[in-house]
C-alpha atoms as a PDB file:
ATOM      1  CA  VAL A   1      14.884  35.036   9.063  1.00  0.00           C
ATOM      2  CA  THR A   2      11.547  36.433   8.891  1.00  0.00           C
ATOM      3  CA  PRO A   3       9.215  37.326   7.390  1.00  0.00           C
ATOM      4  CA  GLU A   4       8.775  34.197   5.989  1.00  0.00           C
ATOM      5  CA  LEU A   5       7.999  32.350   3.509  1.00  0.00           C
ATOM      6  CA  VAL A   6       8.016  34.727   0.355  1.00  0.00           C
ATOM      7  CA  VAL A   7      10.089  37.343   1.232  1.00  0.00           C
ATOM      8  CA  ASN A   8      13.104  34.865   2.383  1.00  0.00           C
ATOM      9  CA  LEU A   9      12.834  33.729  -1.165  1.00  0.00           C
ATOM     10  CA  LEU A  10      13.257  37.199  -3.193  1.00  0.00           C
ATOM     11  CA  MET A  11      15.979  38.647  -0.950  1.00  0.00           C
ATOM     12  CA  ARG A  12      19.794  39.059  -0.993  1.00  0.00           C
ATOM     13  CA  GLY A  13      21.826  39.886   1.993  1.00  0.00           C
ATOM     14  CA  PRO A  14      20.856  38.172   5.235  1.00  0.00           C
ATOM     15  CA  LEU A  15      23.270  35.048   4.521  1.00  0.00           C
ATOM     16  CA  GLU A  16      25.727  37.171   2.956  1.00  0.00           C
ATOM     17  CA  THR A  17      26.091  39.644   5.706  1.00  0.00           C
ATOM     18  CA  GLY A  18      24.717  37.614   8.705  1.00  0.00           C
ATOM     19  CA  GLU A  19      22.577  40.683   9.722  1.00  0.00           C
ATOM     20  CA  ASP A  20      18.507  40.622  10.326  1.00  0.00           C
ATOM     21  CA  ILE A  21      16.567  40.658   7.303  1.00  0.00           C
ATOM     22  CA  SER A  22      15.081  44.270   8.141  1.00  0.00           C
ATOM     23  CA  ARG A  23      18.613  45.863   8.206  1.00  0.00           C
ATOM     24  CA  CYS A  24      20.376  44.535   4.860  1.00  0.00           C
ATOM     25  CA  ALA A  25      17.918  42.658   2.625  1.00  0.00           C
ATOM     26  CA  ARG A  26      17.560  43.862  -1.195  1.00  0.00           C
ATOM     27  CA  LEU A  27      14.721  42.655  -3.573  1.00  0.00           C
ATOM     28  CA  HIS A  28      16.984  40.487  -6.059  1.00  0.00           C
ATOM     29  CA  THR A  29      14.867  38.081  -7.915  1.00  0.00           C
ATOM     30  CA  ILE A  30      11.035  37.397  -7.886  1.00  0.00           C
ATOM     31  CA  GLY A  31       9.687  33.855  -8.622  1.00  0.00           C
ATOM     32  CA  VAL A  32       6.859  33.779 -10.822  1.00  0.00           C
ATOM     33  CA  ASP A  33       4.873  30.454 -10.798  1.00  0.00           C
ATOM     34  CA  GLY A  34       2.608  29.239 -13.352  1.00  0.00           C
ATOM     35  CA  CYS A  35      -0.592  27.212 -12.393  1.00  0.00           C
ATOM     36  CA  ALA A  36      -2.639  24.706 -13.676  1.00  0.00           C
ATOM     37  CA  LEU A  37      -0.260  23.057 -16.452  1.00  0.00           C
ATOM     38  CA  ALA A  38      -2.057  20.124 -16.460  1.00  0.00           C
ATOM     39  CA  VAL A  39      -5.287  21.666 -17.111  1.00  0.00           C
ATOM     40  CA  VAL A  40      -3.941  23.460 -19.783  1.00  0.00           C
ATOM     41  CA  ALA A  41      -1.718  20.749 -21.674  1.00  0.00           C
ATOM     42  CA  ASP A  42      -4.742  18.449 -21.433  1.00  0.00           C
ATOM     43  CA  SER A  43      -7.443  21.278 -22.502  1.00  0.00           C
ATOM     44  CA  MET A  44      -4.982  21.697 -25.624  1.00  0.00           C
ATOM     45  CA  ALA A  45      -4.476  17.855 -26.209  1.00  0.00           C
ATOM     46  CA  ALA A  46      -7.994  17.159 -26.126  1.00  0.00           C
ATOM     47  CA  ILE A  47      -9.072  20.184 -28.742  1.00  0.00           C
ATOM     48  CA  GLU A  48      -6.519  18.777 -30.803  1.00  0.00           C
ATOM     49  CA  GLN A  49      -7.546  15.162 -30.844  1.00  0.00           C
ATOM     50  CA  ARG A  50     -11.259  15.548 -30.622  1.00  0.00           C
ATOM     51  CA  VAL A  51     -11.655  18.642 -32.784  1.00  0.00           C
ATOM     52  CA  GLU A  52      -8.748  19.188 -35.186  1.00  0.00           C
ATOM     53  CA  GLN A  53      -7.628  15.394 -35.849  1.00  0.00           C
ATOM     54  CA  GLU A  54     -10.952  13.241 -35.470  1.00  0.00           C
ATOM     55  CA  LYS A  55     -13.200  15.947 -35.821  1.00  0.00           C
ATOM     56  CA  ARG A  56     -15.668  14.134 -33.489  1.00  0.00           C
ATOM     57  CA  LEU A  57     -16.893  17.870 -32.440  1.00  0.00           C
ATOM     58  CA  THR A  58     -17.008  20.897 -34.118  1.00  0.00           C
ATOM     59  CA  TRP A  59     -15.703  24.354 -32.312  1.00  0.00           C
ATOM     60  CA  ALA A  60     -19.513  25.420 -32.025  1.00  0.00           C
ATOM     61  CA  GLN A  61     -20.122  22.130 -30.227  1.00  0.00           C
ATOM     62  CA  LEU A  62     -17.004  22.639 -27.890  1.00  0.00           C
ATOM     63  CA  CYS A  63     -17.880  26.313 -27.087  1.00  0.00           C
ATOM     64  CA  ASP A  64     -21.386  25.623 -26.158  1.00  0.00           C
ATOM     65  CA  ALA A  65     -20.506  22.500 -23.844  1.00  0.00           C
ATOM     66  CA  LEU A  66     -17.950  24.764 -22.090  1.00  0.00           C
ATOM     67  CA  ARG A  67     -20.550  27.528 -21.651  1.00  0.00           C
ATOM     68  CA  SER A  68     -22.976  25.367 -20.449  1.00  0.00           C
ATOM     69  CA  ASP A  69     -20.836  23.492 -18.129  1.00  0.00           C
ATOM     70  CA  PHE A  70     -21.381  20.421 -19.902  1.00  0.00           C
ATOM     71  CA  GLU A  71     -24.914  20.355 -19.235  1.00  0.00           C
ATOM     72  CA  GLY A  72     -27.220  17.812 -19.890  1.00  0.00           C
ATOM     73  CA  VAL A  73     -26.928  14.179 -21.702  1.00  0.00           C
ATOM     74  CA  GLN A  74     -25.079  15.783 -24.682  1.00  0.00           C
ATOM     75  CA  GLY A  75     -22.869  17.897 -22.457  1.00  0.00           C
ATOM     76  CA  GLU A  76     -22.151  14.585 -20.426  1.00  0.00           C
ATOM     77  CA  ARG A  77     -21.285  12.781 -23.482  1.00  0.00           C
ATOM     78  CA  ILE A  78     -18.929  15.360 -24.686  1.00  0.00           C
ATOM     79  CA  ARG A  79     -17.242  16.065 -21.250  1.00  0.00           C
ATOM     80  CA  LEU A  80     -16.425  12.299 -21.192  1.00  0.00           C
ATOM     81  CA  MET A  81     -15.061  12.355 -24.842  1.00  0.00           C
ATOM     82  CA  LEU A  82     -12.752  15.337 -23.781  1.00  0.00           C
ATOM     83  CA  SER A  83     -11.516  13.567 -20.564  1.00  0.00           C
ATOM     84  CA  SER A  84     -10.726  10.478 -22.160  1.00  0.00           C
ATOM     85  CA  ALA A  85      -8.280  12.227 -24.901  1.00  0.00           C
ATOM     86  CA  ALA A  86      -4.687  12.109 -24.342  1.00  0.00           C
ATOM     87  CA  ARG A  87      -3.384  13.541 -21.369  1.00  0.00           C
ATOM     88  CA  TYR A  88      -0.339  14.816 -19.545  1.00  0.00           C
ATOM     89  CA  CYS A  89       2.172  12.356 -18.245  1.00  0.00           C
ATOM     90  CA  GLN A  90       0.713   9.480 -20.004  1.00  0.00           C
ATOM     91  CA  GLY A  91       4.104   9.161 -21.866  1.00  0.00           C
ATOM     92  CA  GLY A  92       4.912  10.465 -25.309  1.00  0.00           C
ATOM     93  CA  THR A  93       1.198  11.810 -25.718  1.00  0.00           C
ATOM     94  CA  ILE A  94       0.322  14.915 -27.346  1.00  0.00           C
ATOM     95  CA  ALA A  95      -0.508  16.263 -24.253  1.00  0.00           C
ATOM     96  CA  ASP A  96       3.051  15.687 -22.978  1.00  0.00           C
ATOM     97  CA  GLY A  97       4.562  17.696 -26.171  1.00  0.00           C
ATOM     98  CA  TRP A  98       1.691  20.891 -24.971  1.00  0.00           C
ATOM     99  CA  ALA A  99       3.069  20.595 -21.459  1.00  0.00           C
ATOM    100  CA  GLU A 100       6.500  21.267 -22.640  1.00  0.00           C
ATOM    101  CA  ARG A 101       5.819  23.549 -25.386  1.00  0.00           C
ATOM    102  CA  ILE A 102       3.673  25.526 -22.533  1.00  0.00           C
ATOM    103  CA  THR A 103       6.720  25.577 -20.403  1.00  0.00           C
ATOM    104  CA  ARG A 104       9.096  26.715 -22.806  1.00  0.00           C
ATOM    105  CA  ASP A 105       6.547  29.769 -23.922  1.00  0.00           C
ATOM    106  CA  PHE A 106       6.303  30.545 -20.290  1.00  0.00           C
ATOM    107  CA  ALA A 107       9.647  30.662 -19.149  1.00  0.00           C
ATOM    108  CA  ARG A 108      10.783  32.457 -22.341  1.00  0.00           C
ATOM    109  CA  MET A 109       8.377  35.357 -21.542  1.00  0.00           C
ATOM    110  CA  VAL A 110       8.841  35.536 -17.965  1.00  0.00           C
ATOM    111  CA  HIS A 111      12.727  35.418 -18.465  1.00  0.00           C
ATOM    112  CA  GLU A 112      12.328  38.295 -20.916  1.00  0.00           C
ATOM    113  CA  GLN A 113      10.301  40.612 -19.156  1.00  0.00           C
ATOM    114  CA  PRO A 114      12.394  43.876 -18.565  1.00  0.00           C
ATOM    115  CA  MET A 115      12.881  44.413 -14.876  1.00  0.00           C
ATOM    116  CA  PRO A 116      14.595  47.770 -13.569  1.00  0.00           C
ATOM    117  CA  GLU A 117      18.399  47.786 -11.937  1.00  0.00           C
ATOM    118  CA  GLY A 118      19.320  44.157 -13.066  1.00  0.00           C
ATOM    119  CA  ARG A 119      16.585  42.443 -11.098  1.00  0.00           C
ATOM    120  CA  ARG A 120      15.053  39.541 -12.835  1.00  0.00           C
ATOM    121  CA  LEU A 121      11.911  37.490 -12.718  1.00  0.00           C
ATOM    122  CA  VAL A 122      12.529  33.724 -12.613  1.00  0.00           C
ATOM    123  CA  PRO A 123       9.973  31.263 -13.872  1.00  0.00           C
ATOM    124  CA  GLY A 124       8.633  28.090 -12.224  1.00  0.00           C
ATOM    125  CA  PHE A 125       6.000  25.679 -11.338  1.00  0.00           C
ATOM    126  CA  PHE A 126       6.347  25.743  -7.798  1.00  0.00           C
ATOM    127  CA  SER A 127       4.189  23.830  -5.361  1.00  0.00           C
ATOM    128  CA  TRP A 128       1.534  26.558  -3.716  1.00  0.00           C
ATOM    129  CA  SER A 129      -1.609  25.470  -2.137  1.00  0.00           C
ATOM    130  CA  ARG A 130      -4.391  27.680  -3.739  1.00  0.00           C
ATOM    131  CA  THR A 131      -5.822  25.100  -6.010  1.00  0.00           C
ATOM    132  CA  ILE A 132      -9.243  25.216  -4.860  1.00  0.00           C
ATOM    133  CA  GLU A 133      -9.374  28.918  -4.570  1.00  0.00           C
ATOM    134  CA  TYR A 134      -8.184  29.345  -8.183  1.00  0.00           C
ATOM    135  CA  GLY A 135     -10.450  26.834  -9.691  1.00  0.00           C
ATOM    136  CA  ALA A 136     -13.446  28.295  -7.898  1.00  0.00           C
ATOM    137  CA  CYS A 137     -13.036  31.134 -10.323  1.00  0.00           C
ATOM    138  CA  ILE A 138     -12.353  29.574 -13.444  1.00  0.00           C
ATOM    139  CA  GLY A 139     -15.101  27.947 -15.926  1.00  0.00           C
ATOM    140  CA  ALA A 140     -15.457  24.629 -17.481  1.00  0.00           C
ATOM    141  CA  THR A 141     -12.138  23.841 -19.528  1.00  0.00           C
ATOM    142  CA  PRO A 142     -11.848  21.537 -22.641  1.00  0.00           C
ATOM    143  CA  ASN A 143     -10.004  18.724 -20.678  1.00  0.00           C
ATOM    144  CA  GLY A 144     -13.398  17.843 -19.090  1.00  0.00           C
ATOM    145  CA  ARG A 145     -13.188  19.977 -15.891  1.00  0.00           C
ATOM    146  CA  LYS A 146     -16.365  21.358 -14.797  1.00  0.00           C
ATOM    147  CA  ALA A 147     -16.491  24.827 -13.832  1.00  0.00           C
ATOM    148  CA  GLY A 148     -15.589  25.682 -10.249  1.00  0.00           C
ATOM    149  CA  LYS A 149     -13.395  22.400  -9.567  1.00  0.00           C
ATOM    150  CA  PRO A 150     -10.167  22.492  -8.268  1.00  0.00           C
ATOM    151  CA  ILE A 151      -7.193  22.930 -10.952  1.00  0.00           C
ATOM    152  CA  SER A 152      -4.043  21.048 -11.127  1.00  0.00           C
ATOM    153  CA  HIS A 153      -1.307  21.229  -8.623  1.00  0.00           C
ATOM    154  CA  GLY A 154       2.258  22.411  -9.474  1.00  0.00           C
ATOM    155  CA  ALA A 155       3.716  20.576 -12.429  1.00  0.00           C
ATOM    156  CA  ASN A 156       1.758  17.558 -11.492  1.00  0.00           C
ATOM    157  CA  PRO A 157      -0.638  15.874 -13.851  1.00  0.00           C
ATOM    158  CA  ASN A 158      -4.498  15.786 -13.465  1.00  0.00           C
ATOM    159  CA  PRO A 159      -5.886  13.055 -11.349  1.00  0.00           C
ATOM    160  CA  GLY A 160      -6.611   9.822 -12.963  1.00  0.00           C
ATOM    161  CA  PHE A 161      -3.973  10.600 -15.791  1.00  0.00           C
ATOM    162  CA  ARG A 162      -2.954   7.156 -15.707  1.00  0.00           C
ATOM    163  CA  LYS A 163      -3.715   3.772 -14.363  1.00  0.00           C
ATOM    164  CA  ASP A 164      -0.280   1.708 -14.866  1.00  0.00           C
ATOM    165  CA  GLY A 165       2.774   2.528 -14.274  1.00  0.00           C
ATOM    166  CA  ALA A 166       1.828   5.810 -12.883  1.00  0.00           C
ATOM    167  CA  VAL A 167       4.968   6.681 -10.792  1.00  0.00           C
ATOM    168  CA  THR A 168       7.213   6.263 -13.604  1.00  0.00           C
ATOM    169  CA  ALA A 169       5.019   8.337 -15.817  1.00  0.00           C
ATOM    170  CA  LEU A 170       4.496  11.102 -13.411  1.00  0.00           C
ATOM    171  CA  SER A 171       8.542  11.421 -12.846  1.00  0.00           C
ATOM    172  CA  THR A 172       9.079  11.508 -16.828  1.00  0.00           C
ATOM    173  CA  GLY A 173       6.273  13.831 -17.417  1.00  0.00           C
ATOM    174  CA  ILE A 174       7.350  16.671 -14.720  1.00  0.00           C
ATOM    175  CA  ALA A 175      11.204  16.092 -15.529  1.00  0.00           C
ATOM    176  CA  HIS A 176      10.576  17.355 -19.300  1.00  0.00           C
ATOM    177  CA  ALA A 177       8.731  20.032 -18.036  1.00  0.00           C
ATOM    178  CA  GLN A 178      11.202  22.437 -16.178  1.00  0.00           C
ATOM    179  CA  PRO A 179      11.467  26.087 -16.901  1.00  0.00           C
ATOM    180  CA  GLY A 180      15.171  25.601 -16.571  1.00  0.00           C
ATOM    181  CA  TYR A 181      15.747  29.222 -14.987  1.00  0.00           C
ATOM    182  CA  GLY A 182      16.368  28.372 -11.498  1.00  0.00           C
ATOM    183  CA  ASN A 183      12.931  28.015 -10.116  1.00  0.00           C
ATOM    184  CA  ALA A 184      11.763  24.455  -9.656  1.00  0.00           C
ATOM    185  CA  ALA A 185       8.877  22.683 -10.954  1.00  0.00           C
ATOM    186  CA  PRO A 186       8.354  19.925  -7.991  1.00  0.00           C
ATOM    187  CA  LEU A 187       7.246  16.238  -8.222  1.00  0.00           C
ATOM    188  CA  GLN A 188       4.854  15.438  -5.759  1.00  0.00           C
ATOM    189  CA  LEU A 189       4.844  11.658  -4.826  1.00  0.00           C
ATOM    190  CA  GLU A 190       3.081   9.672  -2.301  1.00  0.00           C
ATOM    191  CA  PHE A 191       4.054   6.046  -1.106  1.00  0.00           C
ATOM    192  CA  ASP A 192       2.421   3.668   0.940  1.00  0.00           C
ATOM    193  CA  PRO A 193       5.470   2.155   3.570  1.00  0.00           C
ATOM    194  CA  LYS A 194       3.886  -1.270   3.371  1.00  0.00           C
ATOM    195  CA  MET A 195       5.147  -1.670  -0.260  1.00  0.00           C
ATOM    196  CA  THR A 196       6.551  -5.138  -0.456  1.00  0.00           C
ATOM    197  CA  ARG A 197       9.774  -6.096  -1.205  1.00  0.00           C
ATOM    198  CA  GLU A 198       8.593  -7.617  -4.528  1.00  0.00           C
ATOM    199  CA  GLU A 199       7.957  -4.258  -5.662  1.00  0.00           C
ATOM    200  CA  GLY A 200      11.129  -2.730  -4.661  1.00  0.00           C
ATOM    201  CA  GLY A 201      10.615  -1.076  -1.591  1.00  0.00           C
ATOM    202  CA  VAL A 202      13.177   1.481  -0.835  1.00  0.00           C
ATOM    203  CA  GLU A 203      15.456   0.500  -3.582  1.00  0.00           C
ATOM    204  CA  ARG A 204      12.321   1.392  -6.283  1.00  0.00           C
ATOM    205  CA  VAL A 205      12.258   4.813  -4.406  1.00  0.00           C
ATOM    206  CA  GLU A 206      15.786   5.527  -4.591  1.00  0.00           C
ATOM    207  CA  GLN A 207      15.838   4.695  -8.443  1.00  0.00           C
ATOM    208  CA  LEU A 208      13.091   6.703  -9.157  1.00  0.00           C
ATOM    209  CA  ILE A 209      14.531   9.746  -7.182  1.00  0.00           C
ATOM    210  CA  ARG A 210      18.012   9.250  -8.902  1.00  0.00           C
ATOM    211  CA  THR A 211      16.474   8.678 -12.314  1.00  0.00           C
ATOM    212  CA  HIS A 212      13.997  12.008 -12.088  1.00  0.00           C
ATOM    213  CA  ILE A 213      17.126  14.484 -11.057  1.00  0.00           C
ATOM    214  CA  ASP A 214      19.180  12.803 -13.907  1.00  0.00           C
ATOM    215  CA  MET A 215      16.398  13.686 -16.271  1.00  0.00           C
ATOM    216  CA  GLY A 216      16.167  17.357 -15.097  1.00  0.00           C
ATOM    217  CA  GLY A 217      13.699  17.177 -12.342  1.00  0.00           C
ATOM    218  CA  THR A 218      14.663  20.101  -9.782  1.00  0.00           C
ATOM    219  CA  LEU A 219      12.637  18.976  -6.345  1.00  0.00           C
ATOM    220  CA  ILE A 220      10.564  16.373  -5.035  1.00  0.00           C
ATOM    221  CA  ASN A 221       8.188  16.495  -2.297  1.00  0.00           C
ATOM    222  CA  ILE A 222       7.191  12.973  -1.065  1.00  0.00           C
ATOM    223  CA  ASN A 223       4.519  11.821   1.509  1.00  0.00           C
ATOM    224  CA  VAL A 224       4.901   8.161   3.177  1.00  0.00           C
ATOM    225  CA  LEU A 225       1.487   7.645   4.466  1.00  0.00           C
ATOM    226  CA  ASP A 226      -0.270   4.409   5.682  1.00  0.00           C
ATOM    227  CA  GLY A 227      -3.013   4.224   3.108  1.00  0.00           C
ATOM    228  CA  GLU A 228      -5.674   2.471   5.521  1.00  0.00           C
ATOM    229  CA  LYS A 229      -4.694   5.240   8.277  1.00  0.00           C
ATOM    230  CA  LEU A 230      -5.087   7.927   5.463  1.00  0.00           C
ATOM    231  CA  MET A 231      -8.464   6.916   4.497  1.00  0.00           C
ATOM    232  CA  LYS A 232      -9.815   6.308   8.159  1.00  0.00           C
ATOM    233  CA  ALA A 233      -8.583   9.922   8.751  1.00  0.00           C
ATOM    234  CA  HIS A 234      -9.955  11.277   5.855  1.00  0.00           C
ATOM    235  CA  GLU A 235     -13.389  10.051   7.466  1.00  0.00           C
ATOM    236  CA  ASN A 236     -12.906  11.345  10.920  1.00  0.00           C
ATOM    237  CA  PRO A 237      -9.720  13.136  11.058  1.00  0.00           C
ATOM    238  CA  ASP A 238     -10.158  13.831  14.490  1.00  0.00           C
ATOM    239  CA  LEU A 239      -9.238  10.551  15.310  1.00  0.00           C
ATOM    240  CA  TYR A 240      -5.781  11.198  13.848  1.00  0.00           C
ATOM    241  CA  PRO A 241      -4.828  14.561  15.354  1.00  0.00           C
ATOM    242  CA  ASP A 242      -0.939  13.683  14.861  1.00  0.00           C
ATOM    243  CA  LEU A 243      -1.231  12.571  11.201  1.00  0.00           C
ATOM    244  CA  VAL A 244       1.210  15.047   9.297  1.00  0.00           C
ATOM    245  CA  VAL A 245       1.245  15.220   5.611  1.00  0.00           C
ATOM    246  CA  ARG A 246       3.127  16.988   3.003  1.00  0.00           C
ATOM    247  CA  VAL A 247       0.394  19.408   1.280  1.00  0.00           C
ATOM    248  CA  THR A 248       2.223  21.312  -1.387  1.00  0.00           C
ATOM    249  CA  GLY A 249       5.267  23.298  -0.644  1.00  0.00           C
ATOM    250  CA  PHE A 250       4.472  22.929   3.039  1.00  0.00           C
ATOM    251  CA  THR A 251       3.446  20.270   5.682  1.00  0.00           C
ATOM    252  CA  ALA A 252       0.300  20.354   7.682  1.00  0.00           C
ATOM    253  CA  TYR A 253      -1.577  18.107  10.193  1.00  0.00           C
ATOM    254  CA  PHE A 254      -4.134  16.327   8.290  1.00  0.00           C
ATOM    255  CA  ALA A 255      -6.797  17.104  10.578  1.00  0.00           C
ATOM    256  CA  THR A 256      -6.520  21.068   9.874  1.00  0.00           C
ATOM    257  CA  LEU A 257      -7.189  20.926   6.264  1.00  0.00           C
ATOM    258  CA  SER A 258     -10.464  21.705   4.892  1.00  0.00           C
ATOM    259  CA  PRO A 259     -12.428  18.534   3.609  1.00  0.00           C
ATOM    260  CA  GLU A 260     -11.465  19.560   0.109  1.00  0.00           C
ATOM    261  CA  PHE A 261      -7.868  19.848   0.718  1.00  0.00           C
ATOM    262  CA  ARG A 262      -8.079  16.594   2.527  1.00  0.00           C
ATOM    263  CA  GLN A 263      -9.546  15.017  -0.664  1.00  0.00           C
ATOM    264  CA  LEU A 264      -6.783  16.515  -2.747  1.00  0.00           C
ATOM    265  CA  VAL A 265      -4.250  14.738  -0.919  1.00  0.00           C
ATOM    266  CA  VAL A 266      -6.180  11.407  -0.926  1.00  0.00           C
ATOM    267  CA  ASP A 267      -6.712  11.793  -4.468  1.00  0.00           C
ATOM    268  CA  ARG A 268      -2.705  12.224  -5.085  1.00  0.00           C
ATOM    269  CA  PHE A 269      -2.025   9.356  -2.893  1.00  0.00           C
ATOM    270  CA  LEU A 270      -4.163   6.821  -4.496  1.00  0.00           C
ATOM    271  CA  GLU A 271      -2.785   7.888  -7.938  1.00  0.00           C
ATOM    272  CA  GLY A 272       0.619   7.749  -6.862  1.00  0.00           C
ATOM    273  CA  LEU A 273       0.541   3.531  -5.461  1.00  0.00           C
END
């Protein structure tokens, strides 16, 4: 049914009546998706930890560093201090607590927003592809992110959130950050098909999927990519014109993506192994 994608998700009528969307559809619900959950959760956690709890930074120092985009030796020292604070999806950290709190408040405000004629706004952190575009409009943030850099993808954590047990921690963190009103907060996973039998292989992936759903997860996007092939395609995408990847809520030929988008896919892949 066209037009696609947004209108399909908002309309009621075509499936119920079997008619074309232009003849029968009525606007029923509107999905309102939050963005940069990890950036905000990590930023709030960094402030709480470094400024409020440890008092290693003053509010004035933090504001000056953000305004200058962490300029100079002192600015870089502050940026590293902030970026090494507790992070979302590390497991039981203050950043995980902030992600849950932000999600609850966001979902409540969207859900309670008055709408005419019985229509409803539905909160979510659904996958979308404007992380680079939106990030370019946002200044430096207290999680150590520099001005203009991409924001975090969907409900996923920021790259580098954890170096061990990353997939399990990722699954748990996102399962606990679900808005709860029908719109999804997807888990984005990247796997190499060369996972050895000792690592669990297919059984490990199956267990991860089941556990994520049991914990409250709503949607999973999975890339199964040959790591070596992906790295070579990133260097020279024209050599692999048939390589297809899951970008966010859609798939695309890797070669058609911008270098910045290709880097985001590569970063997620390396994080998920």
